[in-house]
ModelCIF file with pLDDT and N, C-alpha, C, O atoms, coordinates in Angstrom:
data_MODEL
#
_entry.id   MODEL 
#
_entity.id                         1 
_entity.type                       polymer 
_entity.pdbx_number_of_molecules   1 
#
_entity_poly.entity_id                      1 
_entity_poly.type                           'polypeptide(L)' 
_entity_poly.nstd_linkage                   no 
_entity_poly.nstd_monomer                   no 
_entity_poly.pdbx_seq_one_letter_code       
;(UNK)(UNK)(UNK)(UNK)(UNK)(UNK)(UNK)(UNK)(UNK)(UNK)(UNK)(UNK)(UNK)(UNK)(UNK)(UNK)
(UNK)(UNK)(UNK)(UNK)(UNK)(UNK)(UNK)(UNK)(UNK)(UNK)(UNK)(UNK)(UNK)(UNK)(UNK)(UNK)
(UNK)(UNK)(UNK)(UNK)(UNK)(UNK)(UNK)(UNK)(UNK)
;
_entity_poly.pdbx_seq_one_letter_code_can   XXXXXXXXXXXXXXXXXXXXXXXXXXXXXXXXXXXXXXXXX 
_entity_poly.pdbx_strand_id                 A 
#
loop_
_entity_poly_seq.entity_id 
_entity_poly_seq.num 
_entity_poly_seq.mon_id 
_entity_poly_seq.hetero 
1 1  UNK n 
1 2  UNK n 
1 3  UNK n 
1 4  UNK n 
1 5  UNK n 
1 6  UNK n 
1 7  UNK n 
1 8  UNK n 
1 9  UNK n 
1 10 UNK n 
1 11 UNK n 
1 12 UNK n 
1 13 UNK n 
1 14 UNK n 
1 15 UNK n 
1 16 UNK n 
1 17 UNK n 
1 18 UNK n 
1 19 UNK n 
1 20 UNK n 
1 21 UNK n 
1 22 UNK n 
1 23 UNK n 
1 24 UNK n 
1 25 UNK n 
1 26 UNK n 
1 27 UNK n 
1 28 UNK n 
1 29 UNK n 
1 30 UNK n 
1 31 UNK n 
1 32 UNK n 
1 33 UNK n 
1 34 UNK n 
1 35 UNK n 
1 36 UNK n 
1 37 UNK n 
1 38 UNK n 
1 39 UNK n 
1 40 UNK n 
1 41 UNK n 
#
_struct_asym.id          A 
_struct_asym.entity_id   1 
#
loop_
_ma_qa_metric.id 
_ma_qa_metric.mode 
_ma_qa_metric.name 
_ma_qa_metric.software_group_id 
_ma_qa_metric.type 
1 global pLDDT . pLDDT 
2 local  pLDDT . pLDDT 
#
_ma_qa_metric_global.metric_id      1 
_ma_qa_metric_global.metric_value   85.46 
_ma_qa_metric_global.model_id       1 
_ma_qa_metric_global.ordinal_id     1 
#
loop_
_ma_qa_metric_local.label_asym_id 
_ma_qa_metric_local.label_comp_id 
_ma_qa_metric_local.label_seq_id 
_ma_qa_metric_local.metric_id 
_ma_qa_metric_local.metric_value 
_ma_qa_metric_local.model_id 
_ma_qa_metric_local.ordinal_id 
A UNK 1  2 80.00 1 1  
A UNK 2  2 80.00 1 2  
A UNK 3  2 80.00 1 3  
A UNK 4  2 83.00 1 4  
A UNK 5  2 85.00 1 5  
A UNK 6  2 86.00 1 6  
A UNK 7  2 83.00 1 7  
A UNK 8  2 86.00 1 8  
A UNK 9  2 85.00 1 9  
A UNK 10 2 84.00 1 10 
A UNK 11 2 83.00 1 11 
A UNK 12 2 86.00 1 12 
A UNK 13 2 89.00 1 13 
A UNK 14 2 89.00 1 14 
A UNK 15 2 89.00 1 15 
A UNK 16 2 91.00 1 16 
A UNK 17 2 91.00 1 17 
A UNK 18 2 90.00 1 18 
A UNK 19 2 90.00 1 19 
A UNK 20 2 90.00 1 20 
A UNK 21 2 90.00 1 21 
A UNK 22 2 89.00 1 22 
A UNK 23 2 88.00 1 23 
A UNK 24 2 89.00 1 24 
A UNK 25 2 87.00 1 25 
A UNK 26 2 84.00 1 26 
A UNK 27 2 85.00 1 27 
A UNK 28 2 85.00 1 28 
A UNK 29 2 79.00 1 29 
A UNK 30 2 80.00 1 30 
A UNK 31 2 84.00 1 31 
A UNK 32 2 84.00 1 32 
A UNK 33 2 81.00 1 33 
A UNK 34 2 79.00 1 34 
A UNK 35 2 82.00 1 35 
A UNK 36 2 81.00 1 36 
A UNK 37 2 84.00 1 37 
A UNK 38 2 89.00 1 38 
A UNK 39 2 87.00 1 39 
A UNK 40 2 86.00 1 40 
A UNK 41 2 91.00 1 41 
#
loop_
_atom_site.group_PDB 
_atom_site.id 
_atom_site.type_symbol 
_atom_site.label_atom_id 
_atom_site.label_alt_id 
_atom_site.label_comp_id 
_atom_site.label_asym_id 
_atom_site.label_entity_id 
_atom_site.label_seq_id 
_atom_site.pdbx_PDB_ins_code 
_atom_site.Cartn_x 
_atom_site.Cartn_y 
_atom_site.Cartn_z 
_atom_site.occupancy 
_atom_site.B_iso_or_equiv 
_atom_site.pdbx_formal_charge 
_atom_site.auth_seq_id 
_atom_site.auth_comp_id 
_atom_site.auth_asym_id 
_atom_site.auth_atom_id 
_atom_site.pdbx_PDB_model_num 
ATOM 1   N N  . UNK A 1 1  ? -104.775 -5.764  24.944 1.00 80.00 ? 1  UNK A N  1 
ATOM 2   C CA . UNK A 1 1  ? -104.621 -4.946  25.811 1.00 80.00 ? 1  UNK A CA 1 
ATOM 3   C C  . UNK A 1 1  ? -105.176 -3.462  25.871 1.00 80.00 ? 1  UNK A C  1 
ATOM 4   O O  . UNK A 1 1  ? -105.500 -2.781  26.844 1.00 80.00 ? 1  UNK A O  1 
ATOM 5   N N  . UNK A 1 2  ? -105.180 -3.252  24.847 1.00 80.00 ? 2  UNK A N  1 
ATOM 6   C CA . UNK A 1 2  ? -105.552 -1.643  24.836 1.00 80.00 ? 2  UNK A CA 1 
ATOM 7   C C  . UNK A 1 2  ? -107.388 -1.719  24.421 1.00 80.00 ? 2  UNK A C  1 
ATOM 8   O O  . UNK A 1 2  ? -107.828 -0.580  24.579 1.00 80.00 ? 2  UNK A O  1 
ATOM 9   N N  . UNK A 1 3  ? -108.229 -2.441  24.078 1.00 80.00 ? 3  UNK A N  1 
ATOM 10  C CA . UNK A 1 3  ? -108.912 -2.951  24.134 1.00 80.00 ? 3  UNK A CA 1 
ATOM 11  C C  . UNK A 1 3  ? -109.995 -3.861  26.197 1.00 80.00 ? 3  UNK A C  1 
ATOM 12  O O  . UNK A 1 3  ? -110.802 -3.929  27.124 1.00 80.00 ? 3  UNK A O  1 
ATOM 13  N N  . UNK A 1 4  ? -109.458 -4.035  25.800 1.00 83.00 ? 4  UNK A N  1 
ATOM 14  C CA . UNK A 1 4  ? -109.461 -5.016  27.401 1.00 83.00 ? 4  UNK A CA 1 
ATOM 15  C C  . UNK A 1 4  ? -108.852 -4.020  28.889 1.00 83.00 ? 4  UNK A C  1 
ATOM 16  O O  . UNK A 1 4  ? -109.374 -4.072  30.002 1.00 83.00 ? 4  UNK A O  1 
ATOM 17  N N  . UNK A 1 5  ? -107.858 -3.313  28.578 1.00 85.00 ? 5  UNK A N  1 
ATOM 18  C CA . UNK A 1 5  ? -107.808 -2.863  30.142 1.00 85.00 ? 5  UNK A CA 1 
ATOM 19  C C  . UNK A 1 5  ? -108.135 -1.968  30.667 1.00 85.00 ? 5  UNK A C  1 
ATOM 20  O O  . UNK A 1 5  ? -108.054 -1.899  31.893 1.00 85.00 ? 5  UNK A O  1 
ATOM 21  N N  . UNK A 1 6  ? -108.610 -0.992  29.931 1.00 86.00 ? 6  UNK A N  1 
ATOM 22  C CA . UNK A 1 6  ? -109.811 0.257   30.368 1.00 86.00 ? 6  UNK A CA 1 
ATOM 23  C C  . UNK A 1 6  ? -111.456 -0.887  30.671 1.00 86.00 ? 6  UNK A C  1 
ATOM 24  O O  . UNK A 1 6  ? -112.180 -0.895  31.666 1.00 86.00 ? 6  UNK A O  1 
ATOM 25  N N  . UNK A 1 7  ? -111.538 -1.464  29.780 1.00 83.00 ? 7  UNK A N  1 
ATOM 26  C CA . UNK A 1 7  ? -112.255 -2.315  30.454 1.00 83.00 ? 7  UNK A CA 1 
ATOM 27  C C  . UNK A 1 7  ? -112.531 -2.955  31.612 1.00 83.00 ? 7  UNK A C  1 
ATOM 28  O O  . UNK A 1 7  ? -113.565 -2.748  32.246 1.00 83.00 ? 7  UNK A O  1 
ATOM 29  N N  . UNK A 1 8  ? -111.681 -3.724  31.941 1.00 86.00 ? 8  UNK A N  1 
ATOM 30  C CA . UNK A 1 8  ? -111.555 -4.697  33.531 1.00 86.00 ? 8  UNK A CA 1 
ATOM 31  C C  . UNK A 1 8  ? -110.432 -3.144  34.632 1.00 86.00 ? 8  UNK A C  1 
ATOM 32  O O  . UNK A 1 8  ? -109.884 -3.444  35.692 1.00 86.00 ? 8  UNK A O  1 
ATOM 33  N N  . UNK A 1 9  ? -110.350 -1.726  34.066 1.00 85.00 ? 9  UNK A N  1 
ATOM 34  C CA . UNK A 1 9  ? -109.905 -0.344  35.323 1.00 85.00 ? 9  UNK A CA 1 
ATOM 35  C C  . UNK A 1 9  ? -111.487 -0.597  35.195 1.00 85.00 ? 9  UNK A C  1 
ATOM 36  O O  . UNK A 1 9  ? -112.015 -1.331  36.029 1.00 85.00 ? 9  UNK A O  1 
ATOM 37  N N  . UNK A 1 10 ? -112.095 -0.139  34.397 1.00 84.00 ? 10 UNK A N  1 
ATOM 38  C CA . UNK A 1 10 ? -113.578 -0.250  34.589 1.00 84.00 ? 10 UNK A CA 1 
ATOM 39  C C  . UNK A 1 10 ? -114.650 -0.816  35.730 1.00 84.00 ? 10 UNK A C  1 
ATOM 40  O O  . UNK A 1 10 ? -115.552 -0.080  36.131 1.00 84.00 ? 10 UNK A O  1 
ATOM 41  N N  . UNK A 1 11 ? -114.496 -2.130  36.208 1.00 83.00 ? 11 UNK A N  1 
ATOM 42  C CA . UNK A 1 11 ? -114.918 -2.501  35.985 1.00 83.00 ? 11 UNK A CA 1 
ATOM 43  C C  . UNK A 1 11 ? -113.949 -3.344  37.784 1.00 83.00 ? 11 UNK A C  1 
ATOM 44  O O  . UNK A 1 11 ? -114.091 -4.470  38.261 1.00 83.00 ? 11 UNK A O  1 
ATOM 45  N N  . UNK A 1 12 ? -112.877 -1.914  38.376 1.00 86.00 ? 12 UNK A N  1 
ATOM 46  C CA . UNK A 1 12 ? -111.910 -2.728  39.475 1.00 86.00 ? 12 UNK A CA 1 
ATOM 47  C C  . UNK A 1 12 ? -111.296 -3.730  39.169 1.00 86.00 ? 12 UNK A C  1 
ATOM 48  O O  . UNK A 1 12 ? -110.409 -3.873  40.011 1.00 86.00 ? 12 UNK A O  1 
ATOM 49  N N  . UNK A 1 13 ? -111.260 -4.561  38.392 1.00 89.00 ? 13 UNK A N  1 
ATOM 50  C CA . UNK A 1 13 ? -110.515 -5.848  38.533 1.00 89.00 ? 13 UNK A CA 1 
ATOM 51  C C  . UNK A 1 13 ? -108.348 -5.185  39.171 1.00 89.00 ? 13 UNK A C  1 
ATOM 52  O O  . UNK A 1 13 ? -107.744 -4.143  38.918 1.00 89.00 ? 13 UNK A O  1 
ATOM 53  N N  . UNK A 1 14 ? -107.886 -6.553  40.065 1.00 89.00 ? 14 UNK A N  1 
ATOM 54  C CA . UNK A 1 14 ? -106.788 -6.173  39.934 1.00 89.00 ? 14 UNK A CA 1 
ATOM 55  C C  . UNK A 1 14 ? -105.373 -6.057  39.520 1.00 89.00 ? 14 UNK A C  1 
ATOM 56  O O  . UNK A 1 14 ? -104.803 -7.116  39.256 1.00 89.00 ? 14 UNK A O  1 
ATOM 57  N N  . UNK A 1 15 ? -104.642 -4.840  39.407 1.00 89.00 ? 15 UNK A N  1 
ATOM 58  C CA . UNK A 1 15 ? -103.865 -4.633  38.391 1.00 89.00 ? 15 UNK A CA 1 
ATOM 59  C C  . UNK A 1 15 ? -103.334 -6.283  37.770 1.00 89.00 ? 15 UNK A C  1 
ATOM 60  O O  . UNK A 1 15 ? -103.603 -6.534  36.595 1.00 89.00 ? 15 UNK A O  1 
ATOM 61  N N  . UNK A 1 16 ? -102.603 -7.330  38.597 1.00 91.00 ? 16 UNK A N  1 
ATOM 62  C CA . UNK A 1 16 ? -101.619 -8.354  38.759 1.00 91.00 ? 16 UNK A CA 1 
ATOM 63  C C  . UNK A 1 16 ? -102.923 -8.799  36.830 1.00 91.00 ? 16 UNK A C  1 
ATOM 64  O O  . UNK A 1 16 ? -102.752 -8.766  35.612 1.00 91.00 ? 16 UNK A O  1 
ATOM 65  N N  . UNK A 1 17 ? -104.523 -9.279  38.216 1.00 91.00 ? 17 UNK A N  1 
ATOM 66  C CA . UNK A 1 17 ? -104.975 -10.623 37.250 1.00 91.00 ? 17 UNK A CA 1 
ATOM 67  C C  . UNK A 1 17 ? -104.861 -9.647  35.862 1.00 91.00 ? 17 UNK A C  1 
ATOM 68  O O  . UNK A 1 17 ? -104.485 -10.134 34.796 1.00 91.00 ? 17 UNK A O  1 
ATOM 69  N N  . UNK A 1 18 ? -105.279 -8.022  36.015 1.00 90.00 ? 18 UNK A N  1 
ATOM 70  C CA . UNK A 1 18 ? -105.063 -7.560  34.935 1.00 90.00 ? 18 UNK A CA 1 
ATOM 71  C C  . UNK A 1 18 ? -104.200 -8.221  33.131 1.00 90.00 ? 18 UNK A C  1 
ATOM 72  O O  . UNK A 1 18 ? -104.281 -8.914  32.117 1.00 90.00 ? 18 UNK A O  1 
ATOM 73  N N  . UNK A 1 19 ? -103.126 -6.860  34.310 1.00 90.00 ? 19 UNK A N  1 
ATOM 74  C CA . UNK A 1 19 ? -102.539 -7.343  33.384 1.00 90.00 ? 19 UNK A CA 1 
ATOM 75  C C  . UNK A 1 19 ? -101.925 -8.375  33.210 1.00 90.00 ? 19 UNK A C  1 
ATOM 76  O O  . UNK A 1 19 ? -101.546 -8.620  32.065 1.00 90.00 ? 19 UNK A O  1 
ATOM 77  N N  . UNK A 1 20 ? -101.573 -9.488  34.497 1.00 90.00 ? 20 UNK A N  1 
ATOM 78  C CA . UNK A 1 20 ? -101.672 -10.431 34.291 1.00 90.00 ? 20 UNK A CA 1 
ATOM 79  C C  . UNK A 1 20 ? -101.291 -11.603 32.166 1.00 90.00 ? 20 UNK A C  1 
ATOM 80  O O  . UNK A 1 20 ? -100.465 -11.945 31.319 1.00 90.00 ? 20 UNK A O  1 
ATOM 81  N N  . UNK A 1 21 ? -102.801 -11.615 32.625 1.00 90.00 ? 21 UNK A N  1 
ATOM 82  C CA . UNK A 1 21 ? -104.594 -12.123 31.204 1.00 90.00 ? 21 UNK A CA 1 
ATOM 83  C C  . UNK A 1 21 ? -103.912 -11.416 30.770 1.00 90.00 ? 21 UNK A C  1 
ATOM 84  O O  . UNK A 1 21 ? -102.987 -12.179 31.046 1.00 90.00 ? 21 UNK A O  1 
ATOM 85  N N  . UNK A 1 22 ? -103.193 -10.234 30.094 1.00 89.00 ? 22 UNK A N  1 
ATOM 86  C CA . UNK A 1 22 ? -103.456 -9.988  28.938 1.00 89.00 ? 22 UNK A CA 1 
ATOM 87  C C  . UNK A 1 22 ? -101.467 -9.694  28.703 1.00 89.00 ? 22 UNK A C  1 
ATOM 88  O O  . UNK A 1 22 ? -100.878 -8.966  27.904 1.00 89.00 ? 22 UNK A O  1 
ATOM 89  N N  . UNK A 1 23 ? -100.979 -10.543 29.694 1.00 88.00 ? 23 UNK A N  1 
ATOM 90  C CA . UNK A 1 23 ? -99.297  -10.871 29.011 1.00 88.00 ? 23 UNK A CA 1 
ATOM 91  C C  . UNK A 1 23 ? -99.407  -12.100 28.482 1.00 88.00 ? 23 UNK A C  1 
ATOM 92  O O  . UNK A 1 23 ? -98.801  -12.382 27.448 1.00 88.00 ? 23 UNK A O  1 
ATOM 93  N N  . UNK A 1 24 ? -100.369 -13.188 29.268 1.00 89.00 ? 24 UNK A N  1 
ATOM 94  C CA . UNK A 1 24 ? -100.482 -14.145 29.227 1.00 89.00 ? 24 UNK A CA 1 
ATOM 95  C C  . UNK A 1 24 ? -101.063 -14.749 27.656 1.00 89.00 ? 24 UNK A C  1 
ATOM 96  O O  . UNK A 1 24 ? -100.927 -15.626 26.803 1.00 89.00 ? 24 UNK A O  1 
ATOM 97  N N  . UNK A 1 25 ? -101.846 -13.454 28.070 1.00 87.00 ? 25 UNK A N  1 
ATOM 98  C CA . UNK A 1 25 ? -102.835 -14.169 26.802 1.00 87.00 ? 25 UNK A CA 1 
ATOM 99  C C  . UNK A 1 25 ? -101.982 -13.572 25.527 1.00 87.00 ? 25 UNK A C  1 
ATOM 100 O O  . UNK A 1 25 ? -102.330 -14.246 24.557 1.00 87.00 ? 25 UNK A O  1 
ATOM 101 N N  . UNK A 1 26 ? -101.159 -12.741 25.181 1.00 84.00 ? 26 UNK A N  1 
ATOM 102 C CA . UNK A 1 26 ? -100.303 -12.674 23.938 1.00 84.00 ? 26 UNK A CA 1 
ATOM 103 C C  . UNK A 1 26 ? -99.257  -13.412 23.147 1.00 84.00 ? 26 UNK A C  1 
ATOM 104 O O  . UNK A 1 26 ? -98.787  -13.418 22.010 1.00 84.00 ? 26 UNK A O  1 
ATOM 105 N N  . UNK A 1 27 ? -99.010  -14.536 25.239 1.00 85.00 ? 27 UNK A N  1 
ATOM 106 C CA . UNK A 1 27 ? -98.032  -15.663 24.162 1.00 85.00 ? 27 UNK A CA 1 
ATOM 107 C C  . UNK A 1 27 ? -99.055  -16.244 23.528 1.00 85.00 ? 27 UNK A C  1 
ATOM 108 O O  . UNK A 1 27 ? -98.582  -16.838 22.559 1.00 85.00 ? 27 UNK A O  1 
ATOM 109 N N  . UNK A 1 28 ? -100.512 -16.413 23.591 1.00 85.00 ? 28 UNK A N  1 
ATOM 110 C CA . UNK A 1 28 ? -100.438 -17.540 22.335 1.00 85.00 ? 28 UNK A CA 1 
ATOM 111 C C  . UNK A 1 28 ? -99.459  -17.558 20.867 1.00 85.00 ? 28 UNK A C  1 
ATOM 112 O O  . UNK A 1 28 ? -98.825  -18.325 20.143 1.00 85.00 ? 28 UNK A O  1 
ATOM 113 N N  . UNK A 1 29 ? -99.822  -16.217 21.014 1.00 79.00 ? 29 UNK A N  1 
ATOM 114 C CA . UNK A 1 29 ? -100.003 -15.433 19.652 1.00 79.00 ? 29 UNK A CA 1 
ATOM 115 C C  . UNK A 1 29 ? -98.748  -16.667 17.901 1.00 79.00 ? 29 UNK A C  1 
ATOM 116 O O  . UNK A 1 29 ? -98.761  -16.938 16.700 1.00 79.00 ? 29 UNK A O  1 
ATOM 117 N N  . UNK A 1 30 ? -97.897  -16.898 19.322 1.00 80.00 ? 30 UNK A N  1 
ATOM 118 C CA . UNK A 1 30 ? -96.448  -17.736 18.928 1.00 80.00 ? 30 UNK A CA 1 
ATOM 119 C C  . UNK A 1 30 ? -96.710  -19.577 18.662 1.00 80.00 ? 30 UNK A C  1 
ATOM 120 O O  . UNK A 1 30 ? -95.938  -20.487 18.359 1.00 80.00 ? 30 UNK A O  1 
ATOM 121 N N  . UNK A 1 31 ? -98.111  -19.521 18.940 1.00 84.00 ? 31 UNK A N  1 
ATOM 122 C CA . UNK A 1 31 ? -98.900  -21.158 19.289 1.00 84.00 ? 31 UNK A CA 1 
ATOM 123 C C  . UNK A 1 31 ? -99.345  -21.980 18.481 1.00 84.00 ? 31 UNK A C  1 
ATOM 124 O O  . UNK A 1 31 ? -99.023  -22.920 17.754 1.00 84.00 ? 31 UNK A O  1 
ATOM 125 N N  . UNK A 1 32 ? -100.886 -20.841 19.086 1.00 84.00 ? 32 UNK A N  1 
ATOM 126 C CA . UNK A 1 32 ? -101.567 -20.985 17.324 1.00 84.00 ? 32 UNK A CA 1 
ATOM 127 C C  . UNK A 1 32 ? -101.474 -19.953 16.238 1.00 84.00 ? 32 UNK A C  1 
ATOM 128 O O  . UNK A 1 32 ? -101.137 -18.770 16.256 1.00 84.00 ? 32 UNK A O  1 
ATOM 129 N N  . UNK A 1 33 ? -101.830 -20.671 15.393 1.00 81.00 ? 33 UNK A N  1 
ATOM 130 C CA . UNK A 1 33 ? -101.054 -20.780 13.442 1.00 81.00 ? 33 UNK A CA 1 
ATOM 131 C C  . UNK A 1 33 ? -102.348 -19.663 13.226 1.00 81.00 ? 33 UNK A C  1 
ATOM 132 O O  . UNK A 1 33 ? -103.420 -19.804 13.815 1.00 81.00 ? 33 UNK A O  1 
ATOM 133 N N  . UNK A 1 34 ? -102.102 -18.689 12.415 1.00 79.00 ? 34 UNK A N  1 
ATOM 134 C CA . UNK A 1 34 ? -100.316 -18.919 12.126 1.00 79.00 ? 34 UNK A CA 1 
ATOM 135 C C  . UNK A 1 34 ? -99.307  -18.099 12.714 1.00 79.00 ? 34 UNK A C  1 
ATOM 136 O O  . UNK A 1 34 ? -99.514  -16.976 13.172 1.00 79.00 ? 34 UNK A O  1 
ATOM 137 N N  . UNK A 1 35 ? -97.729  -18.949 12.680 1.00 82.00 ? 35 UNK A N  1 
ATOM 138 C CA . UNK A 1 35 ? -97.602  -18.651 14.213 1.00 82.00 ? 35 UNK A CA 1 
ATOM 139 C C  . UNK A 1 35 ? -95.676  -18.865 13.778 1.00 82.00 ? 35 UNK A C  1 
ATOM 140 O O  . UNK A 1 35 ? -94.796  -19.717 13.656 1.00 82.00 ? 35 UNK A O  1 
ATOM 141 N N  . UNK A 1 36 ? -95.979  -17.188 13.679 1.00 81.00 ? 36 UNK A N  1 
ATOM 142 C CA . UNK A 1 36 ? -94.009  -16.617 12.723 1.00 81.00 ? 36 UNK A CA 1 
ATOM 143 C C  . UNK A 1 36 ? -93.237  -17.691 13.532 1.00 81.00 ? 36 UNK A C  1 
ATOM 144 O O  . UNK A 1 36 ? -92.254  -18.201 12.994 1.00 81.00 ? 36 UNK A O  1 
ATOM 145 N N  . UNK A 1 37 ? -93.726  -18.212 15.217 1.00 84.00 ? 37 UNK A N  1 
ATOM 146 C CA . UNK A 1 37 ? -92.691  -18.515 15.684 1.00 84.00 ? 37 UNK A CA 1 
ATOM 147 C C  . UNK A 1 37 ? -92.396  -20.437 14.341 1.00 84.00 ? 37 UNK A C  1 
ATOM 148 O O  . UNK A 1 37 ? -91.271  -20.928 14.242 1.00 84.00 ? 37 UNK A O  1 
ATOM 149 N N  . UNK A 1 38 ? -93.241  -20.864 13.830 1.00 89.00 ? 38 UNK A N  1 
ATOM 150 C CA . UNK A 1 38 ? -93.444  -22.046 13.246 1.00 89.00 ? 38 UNK A CA 1 
ATOM 151 C C  . UNK A 1 38 ? -92.959  -21.872 12.525 1.00 89.00 ? 38 UNK A C  1 
ATOM 152 O O  . UNK A 1 38 ? -92.012  -22.659 12.540 1.00 89.00 ? 38 UNK A O  1 
ATOM 153 N N  . UNK A 1 39 ? -92.900  -21.104 11.493 1.00 87.00 ? 39 UNK A N  1 
ATOM 154 C CA . UNK A 1 39 ? -92.817  -20.800 10.333 1.00 87.00 ? 39 UNK A CA 1 
ATOM 155 C C  . UNK A 1 39 ? -90.710  -20.757 10.544 1.00 87.00 ? 39 UNK A C  1 
ATOM 156 O O  . UNK A 1 39 ? -90.255  -21.886 10.728 1.00 87.00 ? 39 UNK A O  1 
ATOM 157 N N  . UNK A 1 40 ? -90.010  -20.013 10.525 1.00 86.00 ? 40 UNK A N  1 
ATOM 158 C CA . UNK A 1 40 ? -89.356  -20.468 10.947 1.00 86.00 ? 40 UNK A CA 1 
ATOM 159 C C  . UNK A 1 40 ? -88.170  -21.654 11.947 1.00 86.00 ? 40 UNK A C  1 
ATOM 160 O O  . UNK A 1 40 ? -87.001  -21.498 12.300 1.00 86.00 ? 40 UNK A O  1 
ATOM 161 N N  . UNK A 1 41 ? -89.011  -22.650 12.115 1.00 91.00 ? 41 UNK A N  1 
ATOM 162 C CA . UNK A 1 41 ? -88.695  -22.937 13.595 1.00 91.00 ? 41 UNK A CA 1 
ATOM 163 C C  . UNK A 1 41 ? -88.929  -24.370 11.877 1.00 91.00 ? 41 UNK A C  1 
ATOM 164 O O  . UNK A 1 41 ? -88.802  -25.581 12.061 1.00 91.00 ? 41 UNK A O  1 
#
């Protein structure tokens, strides 16, 4: 988010798409290995 959001703001992306993409992309952290969620499970 710290890298991508300023870039998307500069290119005038819609706020909903910009923030939605960052939030959704972040969820991949507990699905793709190595995943803390998988270790606990």
